N, C-alpha and C. Protein backbone atom coordinates (compact mmCIF):
# COMPACT_ATOMS: atom_id res chain seq x y z
N MET A 1 0.34 -27.16 -18.75
CA MET A 1 1.17 -27.46 -17.68
C MET A 1 2.07 -25.56 -17.71
N LYS A 2 2.14 -25.42 -16.60
CA LYS A 2 2.57 -23.51 -16.67
C LYS A 2 4.04 -23.82 -16.76
N LYS A 3 4.92 -22.84 -17.91
CA LYS A 3 6.20 -23.07 -18.01
C LYS A 3 6.88 -22.24 -17.30
N ARG A 4 7.78 -23.08 -16.83
CA ARG A 4 8.85 -22.55 -15.61
C ARG A 4 9.76 -21.25 -16.47
N LYS A 5 9.51 -20.49 -15.59
CA LYS A 5 10.45 -19.34 -16.05
C LYS A 5 11.64 -19.04 -15.05
N MET A 6 12.74 -18.46 -15.66
CA MET A 6 14.20 -18.00 -15.11
C MET A 6 13.70 -17.07 -14.09
N ILE A 7 14.64 -16.42 -13.02
CA ILE A 7 14.36 -15.74 -12.30
C ILE A 7 14.60 -14.34 -12.52
N GLY A 8 15.48 -13.95 -13.67
CA GLY A 8 15.45 -12.77 -14.52
C GLY A 8 14.15 -12.46 -15.43
N GLU A 9 13.79 -13.28 -16.02
CA GLU A 9 12.28 -13.24 -16.79
C GLU A 9 11.09 -12.91 -15.73
N GLU A 10 11.65 -13.71 -14.63
CA GLU A 10 10.07 -13.30 -13.60
C GLU A 10 10.02 -11.89 -13.04
N GLU A 11 11.23 -11.25 -12.88
CA GLU A 11 11.72 -9.99 -12.06
C GLU A 11 11.04 -9.02 -13.46
N GLU A 12 11.51 -9.51 -14.64
CA GLU A 12 11.14 -8.39 -15.57
C GLU A 12 9.40 -8.47 -15.73
N GLU A 13 9.10 -9.49 -15.91
CA GLU A 13 7.72 -9.48 -15.72
C GLU A 13 7.23 -8.57 -15.08
N ASP A 14 7.66 -8.86 -13.95
CA ASP A 14 7.23 -8.23 -12.68
C ASP A 14 6.86 -6.70 -12.55
N ASP A 15 8.13 -6.39 -13.34
CA ASP A 15 8.68 -4.90 -13.64
C ASP A 15 7.53 -4.35 -14.59
N ARG A 16 7.13 -5.31 -15.56
CA ARG A 16 6.32 -4.78 -16.76
C ARG A 16 5.17 -4.54 -16.06
N ARG A 17 4.50 -5.10 -15.34
CA ARG A 17 2.88 -5.37 -14.08
C ARG A 17 3.12 -4.28 -13.60
N ARG A 18 4.29 -3.81 -12.90
CA ARG A 18 4.28 -2.77 -12.14
C ARG A 18 3.94 -1.30 -12.30
N ARG A 19 4.86 -1.40 -13.91
CA ARG A 19 5.06 0.06 -14.68
C ARG A 19 3.50 0.13 -15.01
N ARG A 20 2.86 -0.79 -15.75
CA ARG A 20 1.37 -0.64 -16.42
C ARG A 20 0.58 0.02 -15.11
N ARG A 21 0.76 -0.54 -13.93
CA ARG A 21 0.10 -0.28 -12.72
C ARG A 21 0.09 1.29 -12.26
N SER A 22 1.33 1.69 -12.65
CA SER A 22 1.85 3.34 -11.67
C SER A 22 2.44 3.98 -13.17
N LYS A 23 1.52 4.07 -14.36
CA LYS A 23 2.14 5.11 -15.55
C LYS A 23 1.86 6.44 -14.58
N GLU A 24 0.75 7.34 -14.40
CA GLU A 24 0.87 8.46 -14.13
C GLU A 24 1.96 8.71 -12.94
N GLU A 25 2.15 7.67 -12.11
CA GLU A 25 3.52 8.44 -10.76
C GLU A 25 4.68 8.43 -11.52
N GLU A 26 4.77 7.10 -12.63
CA GLU A 26 6.07 7.22 -13.50
C GLU A 26 6.34 8.30 -13.87
N ILE A 27 5.56 8.49 -15.02
CA ILE A 27 5.37 10.03 -15.76
C ILE A 27 6.07 11.54 -14.69
N VAL A 28 5.42 11.65 -13.31
CA VAL A 28 5.43 12.60 -12.29
C VAL A 28 6.93 12.23 -12.02
N GLY A 29 7.48 11.10 -11.50
CA GLY A 29 8.78 11.20 -11.21
C GLY A 29 9.56 11.34 -12.18
N ARG A 30 9.44 11.13 -13.51
CA ARG A 30 10.42 11.48 -14.17
C ARG A 30 10.39 12.98 -14.23
N SER A 31 9.89 13.22 -14.28
CA SER A 31 9.92 14.88 -14.47
C SER A 31 10.35 15.64 -13.24
N THR A 32 10.07 14.85 -12.23
CA THR A 32 10.56 15.75 -10.97
C THR A 32 12.25 14.92 -10.48
N PHE A 33 12.10 14.24 -10.62
CA PHE A 33 13.63 14.27 -10.12
C PHE A 33 14.38 12.61 -11.44
N GLY A 34 14.87 13.21 -12.24
CA GLY A 34 15.40 12.71 -13.30
C GLY A 34 15.08 11.25 -13.33
N GLY A 35 16.42 10.23 -13.26
CA GLY A 35 16.35 9.00 -13.03
C GLY A 35 16.23 8.30 -11.62
N ALA A 36 15.16 8.87 -10.74
CA ALA A 36 15.45 8.54 -9.67
C ALA A 36 14.29 6.99 -9.16
N ASN A 37 14.47 6.14 -8.19
CA ASN A 37 13.69 4.96 -8.18
C ASN A 37 12.83 5.28 -8.32
N ARG A 38 12.28 3.86 -8.03
CA ARG A 38 10.75 3.72 -8.11
C ARG A 38 9.74 4.01 -6.81
N ARG A 39 10.50 3.49 -6.14
CA ARG A 39 10.32 4.29 -4.66
C ARG A 39 9.91 5.30 -4.30
N ARG A 40 10.59 6.06 -4.63
CA ARG A 40 10.72 7.64 -4.33
C ARG A 40 9.10 8.05 -5.03
N LYS A 41 9.40 7.42 -6.01
CA LYS A 41 8.31 7.85 -6.90
C LYS A 41 6.85 7.88 -6.35
N ILE A 42 6.52 6.49 -5.95
CA ILE A 42 5.25 5.77 -5.67
C ILE A 42 5.21 7.01 -3.98
N VAL A 43 6.32 7.06 -3.30
CA VAL A 43 6.34 8.53 -2.03
C VAL A 43 5.38 9.25 -2.64
N TRP A 44 6.33 10.01 -3.33
CA TRP A 44 5.91 11.14 -3.92
C TRP A 44 4.35 11.37 -4.51
N LYS A 45 3.50 9.99 -5.02
CA LYS A 45 2.51 10.09 -5.41
C LYS A 45 1.51 10.17 -4.25
N LYS A 46 2.19 9.16 -3.36
CA LYS A 46 1.11 9.07 -2.10
C LYS A 46 1.20 9.96 -1.71
N LYS A 47 1.78 11.26 -1.12
CA LYS A 47 1.94 12.42 -0.26
C LYS A 47 0.96 13.22 -1.00
N ARG A 48 0.76 13.44 -2.73
CA ARG A 48 -0.06 13.72 -3.48
C ARG A 48 -1.74 13.58 -3.04
N SER A 49 -1.65 12.37 -3.10
CA SER A 49 -3.04 11.67 -3.14
C SER A 49 -3.59 12.08 -1.95
N VAL A 50 -2.63 12.20 -0.51
CA VAL A 50 -3.15 12.53 0.58
C VAL A 50 -3.84 13.80 0.50
N ALA A 51 -3.17 14.58 0.06
CA ALA A 51 -3.68 15.78 -0.20
C ALA A 51 -4.82 16.07 -1.04
N ARG A 52 -5.04 15.30 -1.72
CA ARG A 52 -5.96 15.93 -2.62
C ARG A 52 -7.46 14.77 -2.00
N ARG A 53 -7.04 13.83 -1.23
CA ARG A 53 -8.08 13.21 -0.30
C ARG A 53 -8.81 14.16 0.61
N ARG A 54 -7.78 15.09 1.41
CA ARG A 54 -7.83 16.22 2.18
C ARG A 54 -8.84 17.40 1.98
N ARG A 55 -8.19 17.66 0.42
CA ARG A 55 -8.95 18.69 -0.19
C ARG A 55 -10.59 18.29 -0.63
N GLU A 56 -10.44 16.78 -0.94
CA GLU A 56 -12.03 16.40 -1.55
C GLU A 56 -12.65 16.37 -0.07
N GLU A 57 -12.06 15.93 1.06
CA GLU A 57 -12.69 15.68 2.46
C GLU A 57 -13.54 17.34 2.70
N GLU A 58 -12.51 18.16 2.94
CA GLU A 58 -13.02 19.61 2.70
C GLU A 58 -14.05 19.95 2.26
N GLU A 59 -14.07 19.98 0.63
CA GLU A 59 -15.12 20.27 -0.20
C GLU A 59 -16.51 19.38 0.33
N LYS A 60 -16.30 18.27 0.83
CA LYS A 60 -17.77 17.56 1.17
C LYS A 60 -18.37 18.15 1.99
N LYS A 61 -17.36 18.58 3.06
CA LYS A 61 -18.19 19.10 4.42
C LYS A 61 -18.60 20.08 3.90
N TRP A 62 -17.98 21.63 3.30
CA TRP A 62 -18.37 22.19 2.79
C TRP A 62 -20.03 22.33 2.18
N ARG A 63 -20.04 21.45 1.09
CA ARG A 63 -21.40 21.36 0.17
C ARG A 63 -22.52 20.53 1.32
N ARG A 64 -22.07 19.82 2.25
CA ARG A 64 -23.09 19.26 3.08
C ARG A 64 -23.65 20.45 3.70
N SER A 65 -22.84 21.27 4.69
CA SER A 65 -22.99 22.36 5.26
C SER A 65 -24.31 23.16 4.73
N VAL A 66 -23.46 23.64 3.04
CA VAL A 66 -24.82 24.54 2.28
C VAL A 66 -26.01 23.72 1.99
N GLU A 67 -25.58 22.59 1.76
CA GLU A 67 -26.82 21.73 1.52
C GLU A 67 -28.11 21.70 2.90
N GLY A 68 -27.86 21.83 3.69
CA GLY A 68 -28.32 20.93 5.10
C GLY A 68 -28.73 22.94 5.42
N ARG A 69 -28.37 23.91 5.01
CA ARG A 69 -28.91 25.30 5.09
C ARG A 69 -29.84 25.88 4.35
N ARG A 70 -29.46 24.89 3.16
CA ARG A 70 -30.91 25.01 2.14
C ARG A 70 -32.61 24.64 2.95
N LYS A 71 -31.63 23.09 2.76
CA LYS A 71 -33.01 22.06 3.25
C LYS A 71 -33.39 22.83 4.65
N ARG A 72 -33.07 23.25 5.36
CA ARG A 72 -33.53 24.15 6.82
C ARG A 72 -34.32 25.42 6.06
N LYS A 73 -33.68 26.06 5.46
CA LYS A 73 -34.54 27.25 5.15
C LYS A 73 -35.89 26.96 4.47
N LYS A 74 -35.69 25.98 3.36
CA LYS A 74 -37.04 25.49 3.17
C LYS A 74 -37.94 25.14 4.28
N GLU A 75 -37.84 24.33 4.85
CA GLU A 75 -38.17 23.81 6.00
C GLU A 75 -39.06 24.77 6.70
N ASN A 76 -38.27 26.06 7.21
CA ASN A 76 -39.04 26.53 7.88
C ASN A 76 -39.96 27.64 7.31
N HIS A 77 -39.91 27.55 6.21
CA HIS A 77 -40.82 28.36 4.92
C HIS A 77 -42.16 27.03 4.24
N VAL A 78 -42.55 26.42 4.59
CA VAL A 78 -43.41 25.55 4.19
C VAL A 78 -44.83 26.24 4.32
N GLY A 79 -45.41 26.96 2.95
CA GLY A 79 -46.83 27.57 3.50
C GLY A 79 -46.49 28.74 4.56
N ASP A 80 -48.03 28.51 5.24
CA ASP A 80 -48.00 29.59 6.04
C ASP A 80 -48.73 28.71 7.32
N GLU A 81 -47.64 27.44 7.37
CA GLU A 81 -48.20 26.49 8.67
C GLU A 81 -47.79 27.13 10.17
N ILE A 82 -48.34 26.31 10.96
CA ILE A 82 -47.82 27.34 12.18
C ILE A 82 -46.35 26.21 12.39
N GLN A 83 -45.45 26.98 12.65
CA GLN A 83 -43.86 26.19 12.98
C GLN A 83 -43.92 25.56 14.42
N HIS A 84 -43.85 24.68 15.16
CA HIS A 84 -43.77 24.03 15.97
C HIS A 84 -42.24 24.26 16.62
N PRO A 85 -41.80 24.39 17.53
CA PRO A 85 -40.98 24.46 18.13
C PRO A 85 -39.98 23.39 18.37
N GLY A 86 -38.67 23.15 18.00
CA GLY A 86 -38.44 21.89 18.17
C GLY A 86 -38.66 20.80 17.07
N THR A 87 -39.74 20.95 16.08
CA THR A 87 -39.72 20.07 14.99
C THR A 87 -38.32 20.64 14.33
N TYR A 88 -38.11 21.90 14.19
CA TYR A 88 -36.91 21.88 12.45
C TYR A 88 -35.84 22.14 13.30
N THR A 89 -34.73 22.10 12.92
CA THR A 89 -33.13 22.27 13.39
C THR A 89 -33.05 23.59 12.78
N CYS A 90 -32.54 24.89 13.27
CA CYS A 90 -32.11 25.96 12.30
C CYS A 90 -30.80 26.12 12.97
């Protein structure tokens, strides 16, 4: 049988769970805006992760384009075979 909790206890446990989940943003928040509320900390972290996501996407695009170029270069110099126009994308 589940033990009934008082309202205060439940909130406290919720708070503890939230704290465990967002350690990073808590530390960041504390150093950034003293005793600011958790909501602002989360917003701050979200903004940061959006920037990080954009950076990673750019990097991925760049890497993909480089890999594509390398692959095409290799394909264009396969032995001394006759290159059929339209077979390889340059």
